[in-house]
N, C-alpha and C. Protein backbone atom coordinates (compact mmCIF):
# COMPACT_ATOMS: atom_id res chain seq x y z
N UNK A 1 139.93 -99.78 -68.88
CA UNK A 1 138.94 -98.93 -69.60
C UNK A 1 138.78 -97.74 -69.04
N UNK A 2 137.21 -96.97 -70.04
CA UNK A 2 137.52 -96.09 -70.07
C UNK A 2 136.10 -95.59 -69.38
N UNK A 3 136.16 -93.97 -68.13
CA UNK A 3 135.16 -94.07 -67.59
C UNK A 3 134.25 -93.20 -68.43
N UNK A 4 133.74 -92.61 -67.94
CA UNK A 4 132.84 -90.14 -68.93
C UNK A 4 131.97 -90.36 -68.41
N UNK A 5 131.50 -89.05 -68.36
CA UNK A 5 130.14 -89.21 -68.64
C UNK A 5 128.84 -88.77 -70.35
N UNK A 6 128.31 -88.34 -70.30
CA UNK A 6 127.88 -88.20 -71.34
C UNK A 6 127.49 -86.75 -71.80
N UNK A 7 127.50 -85.30 -70.21
CA UNK A 7 127.09 -84.03 -70.37
C UNK A 7 128.19 -83.53 -69.60
N UNK A 8 129.31 -83.93 -70.18
CA UNK A 8 130.50 -82.82 -69.22
C UNK A 8 129.98 -80.77 -69.00
N UNK A 9 129.26 -81.03 -69.47
CA UNK A 9 128.67 -79.61 -69.32
C UNK A 9 128.14 -79.27 -68.00
N UNK A 10 127.15 -80.57 -68.30
CA UNK A 10 126.51 -80.67 -66.44
C UNK A 10 127.26 -80.73 -65.84
N UNK A 11 127.66 -81.79 -65.97
CA UNK A 11 128.39 -82.27 -64.50
C UNK A 11 129.74 -81.67 -63.98
N UNK A 12 130.08 -80.94 -64.64
CA UNK A 12 131.25 -79.62 -64.38
C UNK A 12 130.61 -79.06 -63.70
N UNK A 13 128.71 -78.60 -63.90
CA UNK A 13 128.35 -77.64 -63.57
C UNK A 13 128.10 -77.95 -61.81
N UNK A 14 127.64 -78.98 -62.40
CA UNK A 14 127.56 -79.55 -60.79
C UNK A 14 128.37 -80.09 -59.04
N UNK A 15 130.18 -79.63 -60.08
CA UNK A 15 130.64 -80.57 -59.48
C UNK A 15 131.21 -79.44 -58.31
N UNK A 16 131.31 -78.19 -59.23
CA UNK A 16 131.77 -76.70 -58.76
C UNK A 16 129.83 -76.54 -57.39
N UNK A 17 129.59 -76.67 -57.55
CA UNK A 17 128.75 -77.12 -56.36
C UNK A 17 128.75 -77.10 -54.92
N UNK A 18 128.59 -77.35 -53.27
CA UNK A 18 128.57 -77.18 -52.45
C UNK A 18 127.59 -78.02 -52.14
N UNK A 19 127.33 -79.89 -51.55
CA UNK A 19 126.38 -80.64 -52.31
C UNK A 19 127.28 -81.27 -52.21
N UNK A 20 126.05 -82.60 -51.13
CA UNK A 20 127.16 -83.70 -51.64
C UNK A 20 126.46 -85.21 -52.87
N UNK A 21 127.48 -85.38 -52.88
CA UNK A 21 127.39 -86.37 -53.86
C UNK A 21 126.42 -86.54 -54.47
N UNK A 22 126.62 -87.55 -53.91
CA UNK A 22 124.91 -88.03 -53.89
C UNK A 22 123.80 -87.58 -54.52
N UNK A 23 123.30 -86.79 -54.64
CA UNK A 23 122.34 -84.84 -54.76
C UNK A 23 122.46 -84.48 -56.17
N UNK A 24 124.24 -84.51 -56.56
CA UNK A 24 124.93 -84.27 -57.32
C UNK A 24 124.45 -85.17 -58.41
N UNK A 25 124.63 -86.45 -58.08
CA UNK A 25 124.48 -87.42 -59.10
C UNK A 25 122.90 -88.25 -59.40
N UNK A 26 122.11 -87.52 -57.93
CA UNK A 26 120.65 -87.78 -58.43
C UNK A 26 120.07 -86.35 -59.90
N UNK A 27 120.75 -85.15 -59.94
CA UNK A 27 120.08 -84.22 -60.64
C UNK A 27 120.57 -84.31 -61.41
N UNK A 28 122.08 -84.96 -61.50
CA UNK A 28 122.51 -85.06 -63.30
C UNK A 28 122.21 -86.36 -64.42
N UNK A 29 121.61 -87.06 -63.40
CA UNK A 29 120.17 -87.84 -64.11
C UNK A 29 119.43 -87.14 -64.22
N UNK A 30 118.41 -86.94 -63.70
CA UNK A 30 116.98 -85.72 -63.70
C UNK A 30 117.12 -85.23 -64.98
N UNK A 31 118.30 -85.02 -65.82
CA UNK A 31 118.91 -83.48 -65.97
C UNK A 31 119.26 -84.43 -67.90
N UNK A 32 118.84 -85.42 -67.79
CA UNK A 32 119.16 -86.90 -68.64
C UNK A 32 120.59 -86.93 -69.31
N UNK A 33 122.04 -86.50 -68.34
CA UNK A 33 122.54 -87.18 -67.41
C UNK A 33 123.29 -88.85 -67.41
N UNK A 34 124.38 -89.83 -68.10
CA UNK A 34 124.91 -91.34 -67.82
C UNK A 34 125.77 -91.20 -67.93
N UNK A 35 126.30 -92.55 -67.54
CA UNK A 35 127.57 -92.92 -67.78
C UNK A 35 127.75 -93.55 -69.01
N UNK A 36 129.00 -93.21 -69.97
CA UNK A 36 130.21 -94.14 -69.93
C UNK A 36 130.85 -95.04 -69.67
N UNK A 37 131.06 -96.26 -70.52
CA UNK A 37 132.36 -96.97 -70.09
C UNK A 37 132.39 -97.89 -70.75
N UNK A 38 133.67 -98.10 -70.81
CA UNK A 38 134.54 -98.63 -72.58
C UNK A 38 134.79 -97.96 -72.58
N UNK A 39 135.93 -97.84 -74.68
CA UNK A 39 135.82 -97.62 -75.25
C UNK A 39 136.79 -98.39 -76.88
N UNK A 40 136.66 -97.29 -77.88
CA UNK A 40 136.64 -97.89 -79.06
C UNK A 40 135.84 -98.85 -80.10
N UNK A 41 134.67 -98.08 -79.74
CA UNK A 41 133.17 -98.30 -80.07
C UNK A 41 132.72 -99.89 -79.44
N UNK A 42 132.94 -100.37 -77.94
CA UNK A 42 132.99 -100.92 -77.59
C UNK A 42 132.14 -100.11 -75.73
N UNK A 43 131.45 -98.88 -75.92
CA UNK A 43 131.38 -98.61 -75.14
C UNK A 43 130.36 -99.09 -74.55
N UNK A 44 129.52 -99.09 -73.49
CA UNK A 44 127.67 -98.91 -72.88
C UNK A 44 127.57 -97.62 -71.80
N UNK A 45 126.85 -97.65 -72.33
CA UNK A 45 126.08 -96.49 -71.25
C UNK A 45 125.07 -97.02 -70.56
N UNK A 46 124.40 -95.68 -69.04
CA UNK A 46 124.84 -96.70 -68.24
C UNK A 46 123.67 -94.89 -67.14
N UNK A 47 122.22 -94.97 -67.59
CA UNK A 47 121.29 -94.40 -66.98
C UNK A 47 121.83 -93.24 -65.49
N UNK A 48 122.19 -94.58 -65.49
CA UNK A 48 122.10 -94.54 -63.64
C UNK A 48 123.46 -95.15 -62.14
N UNK A 49 124.19 -94.67 -61.93
CA UNK A 49 125.32 -94.31 -61.51
C UNK A 49 124.89 -95.63 -60.99
N UNK A 50 123.73 -96.82 -60.25
CA UNK A 50 123.03 -97.60 -60.06
C UNK A 50 123.84 -98.87 -60.26
N UNK A 51 123.09 -98.42 -61.93
CA UNK A 51 123.37 -99.32 -62.92
C UNK A 51 125.11 -99.34 -63.59
N UNK A 52 125.56 -98.19 -62.77
CA UNK A 52 127.52 -98.75 -62.95
C UNK A 52 127.92 -99.74 -62.63
N UNK A 53 127.70 -99.69 -61.24
CA UNK A 53 128.19 -99.79 -59.92
C UNK A 53 127.12 -101.79 -60.05
N UNK A 54 126.48 -101.92 -60.42
CA UNK A 54 126.44 -102.96 -60.25
C UNK A 54 127.10 -104.08 -61.65
N UNK A 55 126.15 -103.38 -62.60
CA UNK A 55 127.04 -103.82 -64.09
C UNK A 55 129.36 -104.45 -62.97
N UNK A 56 129.36 -103.16 -62.37
CA UNK A 56 130.57 -103.32 -61.94
C UNK A 56 131.14 -104.59 -61.57
N UNK A 57 130.29 -104.38 -60.06
CA UNK A 57 130.89 -105.97 -59.54
C UNK A 57 129.98 -107.08 -60.13
N UNK A 58 128.85 -107.42 -61.47
CA UNK A 58 128.73 -108.92 -61.67
C UNK A 58 130.00 -108.79 -62.34
N UNK A 59 130.58 -108.08 -62.87
CA UNK A 59 131.46 -108.24 -63.78
C UNK A 59 132.80 -108.34 -62.75
N UNK A 60 132.70 -108.49 -61.77
CA UNK A 60 134.09 -108.85 -60.72
C UNK A 60 134.22 -110.17 -60.31
N UNK A 61 132.47 -110.22 -59.51
CA UNK A 61 132.24 -111.55 -59.08
C UNK A 61 132.64 -113.07 -60.25
N UNK A 62 132.52 -112.46 -61.90
CA UNK A 62 132.44 -113.81 -62.28
C UNK A 62 133.17 -113.98 -63.46
N UNK A 63 134.11 -112.11 -63.53
CA UNK A 63 134.50 -112.01 -65.16
C UNK A 63 134.41 -112.05 -65.67
N UNK A 64 132.95 -112.62 -66.36
CA UNK A 64 132.29 -112.62 -67.56
C UNK A 64 131.52 -111.48 -68.17
N UNK A 65 130.71 -111.87 -69.38
CA UNK A 65 129.96 -110.64 -69.90
C UNK A 65 128.86 -110.91 -69.53
N UNK A 66 127.87 -109.45 -68.59
CA UNK A 66 125.93 -110.25 -68.74
C UNK A 66 125.66 -109.20 -69.22
N UNK A 67 125.78 -109.49 -70.81
CA UNK A 67 124.85 -108.48 -71.32
C UNK A 67 123.74 -109.03 -71.08
N UNK A 68 122.82 -110.30 -71.35
CA UNK A 68 121.70 -110.47 -70.73
C UNK A 68 120.88 -109.24 -70.04
N UNK A 69 121.34 -109.78 -68.75
CA UNK A 69 121.44 -110.46 -67.21
C UNK A 69 121.05 -107.47 -67.04
N UNK A 70 121.88 -106.52 -67.79
CA UNK A 70 121.54 -105.61 -67.73
C UNK A 70 121.01 -105.31 -68.38
N UNK A 71 120.03 -105.57 -69.96
CA UNK A 71 119.70 -106.01 -70.67
C UNK A 71 118.61 -105.38 -70.09
N UNK A 72 118.06 -106.67 -69.04
CA UNK A 72 117.01 -106.53 -69.31
C UNK A 72 116.59 -105.51 -67.95
N UNK A 73 117.62 -105.37 -66.98
CA UNK A 73 116.96 -104.40 -66.43
C UNK A 73 117.22 -103.23 -66.18
N UNK A 74 117.67 -102.99 -67.35
CA UNK A 74 117.90 -101.67 -68.61
C UNK A 74 116.45 -101.87 -69.31
N UNK A 75 115.94 -102.15 -69.55
CA UNK A 75 114.60 -102.34 -70.50
C UNK A 75 113.56 -102.39 -69.26
N UNK A 76 113.76 -102.77 -68.39
CA UNK A 76 112.68 -102.62 -67.48
C UNK A 76 112.56 -101.30 -66.50
N UNK A 77 113.89 -100.78 -66.43
CA UNK A 77 114.35 -99.39 -65.72
C UNK A 77 113.57 -98.77 -66.90
N UNK A 78 113.94 -98.78 -68.06
CA UNK A 78 113.34 -97.76 -68.84
C UNK A 78 111.34 -98.03 -68.54
N UNK A 79 111.12 -98.80 -69.09
CA UNK A 79 109.53 -99.75 -68.69
C UNK A 79 108.56 -98.79 -67.62
N UNK A 80 109.51 -98.48 -65.89
CA UNK A 80 109.39 -98.12 -65.20
C UNK A 80 108.84 -96.73 -65.14
N UNK A 81 110.02 -95.93 -66.19
CA UNK A 81 110.45 -94.05 -65.81
C UNK A 81 109.53 -93.51 -67.26
N UNK A 82 109.38 -94.76 -68.62
CA UNK A 82 108.13 -94.92 -68.95
C UNK A 82 106.47 -94.82 -69.15
N UNK A 83 106.47 -95.67 -67.81
CA UNK A 83 104.81 -94.98 -67.64
C UNK A 83 104.94 -93.88 -66.78
N UNK A 84 106.52 -93.59 -65.37
CA UNK A 84 105.93 -92.56 -64.30
C UNK A 84 105.85 -91.90 -65.04
N UNK A 85 107.03 -90.91 -65.95
CA UNK A 85 106.41 -90.51 -67.06
C UNK A 85 104.76 -89.67 -67.78
N UNK A 86 104.30 -91.31 -67.94
CA UNK A 86 103.08 -90.90 -68.70
C UNK A 86 102.45 -90.48 -68.01
N UNK A 87 102.72 -90.60 -66.64
CA UNK A 87 101.82 -90.57 -65.31
C UNK A 87 101.75 -89.17 -64.93
N UNK A 88 102.89 -88.49 -65.03
CA UNK A 88 103.41 -87.48 -64.59
C UNK A 88 101.96 -86.74 -66.35
N UNK A 89 102.49 -87.02 -67.03
CA UNK A 89 102.01 -86.46 -67.78
C UNK A 89 100.45 -85.78 -68.73
N UNK A 90 99.83 -87.13 -67.69
CA UNK A 90 98.59 -87.22 -67.57
C UNK A 90 98.29 -87.39 -68.92
N UNK A 91 97.22 -86.70 -69.57
CA UNK A 91 96.15 -86.89 -70.75
C UNK A 91 95.64 -85.57 -70.74
N UNK A 92 95.59 -84.89 -70.40
CA UNK A 92 95.04 -83.27 -70.63
C UNK A 92 96.24 -82.38 -71.26
N UNK A 93 95.89 -82.19 -73.15
CA UNK A 93 96.52 -81.38 -74.10
C UNK A 93 96.97 -80.11 -72.71
N UNK A 94 98.82 -80.18 -72.81
CA UNK A 94 98.97 -78.79 -73.22
C UNK A 94 100.74 -78.65 -73.36
N UNK A 95 101.40 -78.13 -73.29
CA UNK A 95 103.24 -77.41 -73.87
C UNK A 95 103.82 -78.85 -73.16
N UNK A 96 104.59 -79.11 -73.39
CA UNK A 96 105.65 -79.60 -72.37
C UNK A 96 106.46 -79.29 -73.23
N UNK A 97 108.15 -79.08 -72.22
CA UNK A 97 109.25 -78.29 -72.42
C UNK A 97 109.46 -79.56 -74.19
N UNK A 98 110.01 -78.58 -74.51
CA UNK A 98 110.89 -78.32 -75.86
C UNK A 98 112.04 -80.13 -75.32
N UNK A 99 112.43 -80.01 -74.26
CA UNK A 99 113.71 -81.18 -73.74
C UNK A 99 112.99 -82.11 -73.80
N UNK A 100 112.17 -82.40 -73.19
CA UNK A 100 111.49 -83.66 -72.86
C UNK A 100 110.89 -84.06 -73.67
N UNK A 101 110.27 -83.06 -74.63
CA UNK A 101 109.67 -84.01 -76.04
C UNK A 101 110.89 -85.01 -76.65
N UNK A 102 111.61 -83.93 -76.53
CA UNK A 102 112.82 -84.71 -77.48
C UNK A 102 113.34 -86.19 -77.16
N UNK A 103 113.95 -85.73 -75.37
CA UNK A 103 114.00 -86.96 -75.42
C UNK A 103 113.16 -88.06 -75.28
N UNK A 104 111.08 -87.73 -75.45
CA UNK A 104 110.16 -88.91 -75.21
C UNK A 104 110.80 -89.82 -76.96
N UNK A 105 110.84 -88.54 -77.85
CA UNK A 105 111.59 -89.08 -79.39
C UNK A 105 112.65 -89.45 -79.74
N UNK A 106 113.43 -89.03 -78.45
CA UNK A 106 114.72 -90.37 -79.19
C UNK A 106 114.59 -91.55 -78.54
N UNK A 107 114.35 -90.92 -77.19
CA UNK A 107 113.71 -93.08 -76.88
C UNK A 107 113.17 -94.26 -77.06
N UNK A 108 112.24 -93.60 -78.56
CA UNK A 108 111.28 -94.25 -78.91
C UNK A 108 112.24 -95.35 -79.68
N UNK A 109 112.73 -93.42 -80.82
CA UNK A 109 113.10 -94.35 -81.69
C UNK A 109 114.87 -95.23 -81.61
N UNK A 110 115.80 -94.70 -80.21
CA UNK A 110 116.78 -95.86 -79.53
C UNK A 110 115.17 -97.44 -79.43
N UNK A 111 114.77 -97.43 -78.55
CA UNK A 111 114.18 -98.34 -78.40
C UNK A 111 113.50 -99.82 -79.98
N UNK A 112 112.57 -99.12 -81.06
CA UNK A 112 111.80 -98.79 -81.72
C UNK A 112 113.24 -99.32 -82.95
N UNK A 113 114.30 -98.61 -82.63
CA UNK A 113 116.13 -99.32 -83.65
C UNK A 113 116.48 -100.59 -83.42
N UNK A 114 116.57 -100.48 -81.85
CA UNK A 114 117.24 -101.89 -81.20
C UNK A 114 116.21 -103.19 -81.98
N UNK A 115 115.07 -103.11 -80.94
CA UNK A 115 114.34 -104.25 -81.45
C UNK A 115 113.63 -104.35 -83.69
N UNK A 116 114.11 -103.92 -83.62
CA UNK A 116 113.84 -104.15 -85.40
C UNK A 116 115.06 -105.03 -85.41
N UNK A 117 115.95 -103.71 -84.94
CA UNK A 117 118.06 -104.82 -85.61
C UNK A 117 117.79 -105.40 -84.58
N UNK A 118 117.22 -106.68 -83.81
CA UNK A 118 117.51 -107.75 -82.75
C UNK A 118 117.36 -108.39 -83.90
N UNK A 119 115.32 -108.30 -84.29
CA UNK A 119 115.09 -109.63 -85.13
C UNK A 119 115.99 -109.85 -86.47
N UNK A 120 116.70 -108.53 -86.22
CA UNK A 120 117.35 -109.17 -88.17
C UNK A 120 119.28 -109.68 -87.61
N UNK A 121 119.39 -109.82 -86.93
CA UNK A 121 120.98 -110.31 -86.57
C UNK A 121 120.72 -111.79 -86.77
N UNK A 122 121.63 -112.03 -88.15
CA UNK A 122 121.58 -113.48 -88.55
C UNK A 122 122.02 -115.11 -86.60
N UNK A 123 121.77 -115.53 -86.83
CA UNK A 123 121.57 -116.38 -85.83
C UNK A 123 123.13 -116.75 -84.39
N UNK A 124 124.50 -116.31 -85.11
CA UNK A 124 125.49 -116.62 -84.20
C UNK A 124 125.35 -115.26 -83.80
N UNK A 125 125.12 -114.21 -84.52
CA UNK A 125 124.34 -112.78 -83.94
C UNK A 125 123.81 -112.69 -82.02
N UNK A 126 123.15 -114.22 -82.08
CA UNK A 126 122.46 -113.60 -81.41
C UNK A 126 122.42 -114.61 -80.05
N UNK A 127 123.64 -115.59 -79.98
CA UNK A 127 124.25 -116.01 -79.69
C UNK A 127 125.11 -115.85 -78.26
């Protein structure tokens, strides 16, 4: 199974810095970096290293897939971070950095597509 970071240039720059690994991971994740596990179109992306580690531990414990459990954990993380970001942005009109607006737009599109697409799946694909 293949493991890679989603933003190798950012990771490479952080890897060159002399700081504890946990700080590098936090900075990388705050900059939008994530981790990809798998290959041949079956990759799963984890936004946090802790999600990846939990996934691997659950896999090792049961030897099976935990797709629903993982999805629920990721959705909870999305809701928590969206609520926190909403509070940070506030209601006052202001200029947001382009990369933040872009990340919000992409996240909204991906969640909308997943939600819409899930309802369009056939019964055998939902089981």
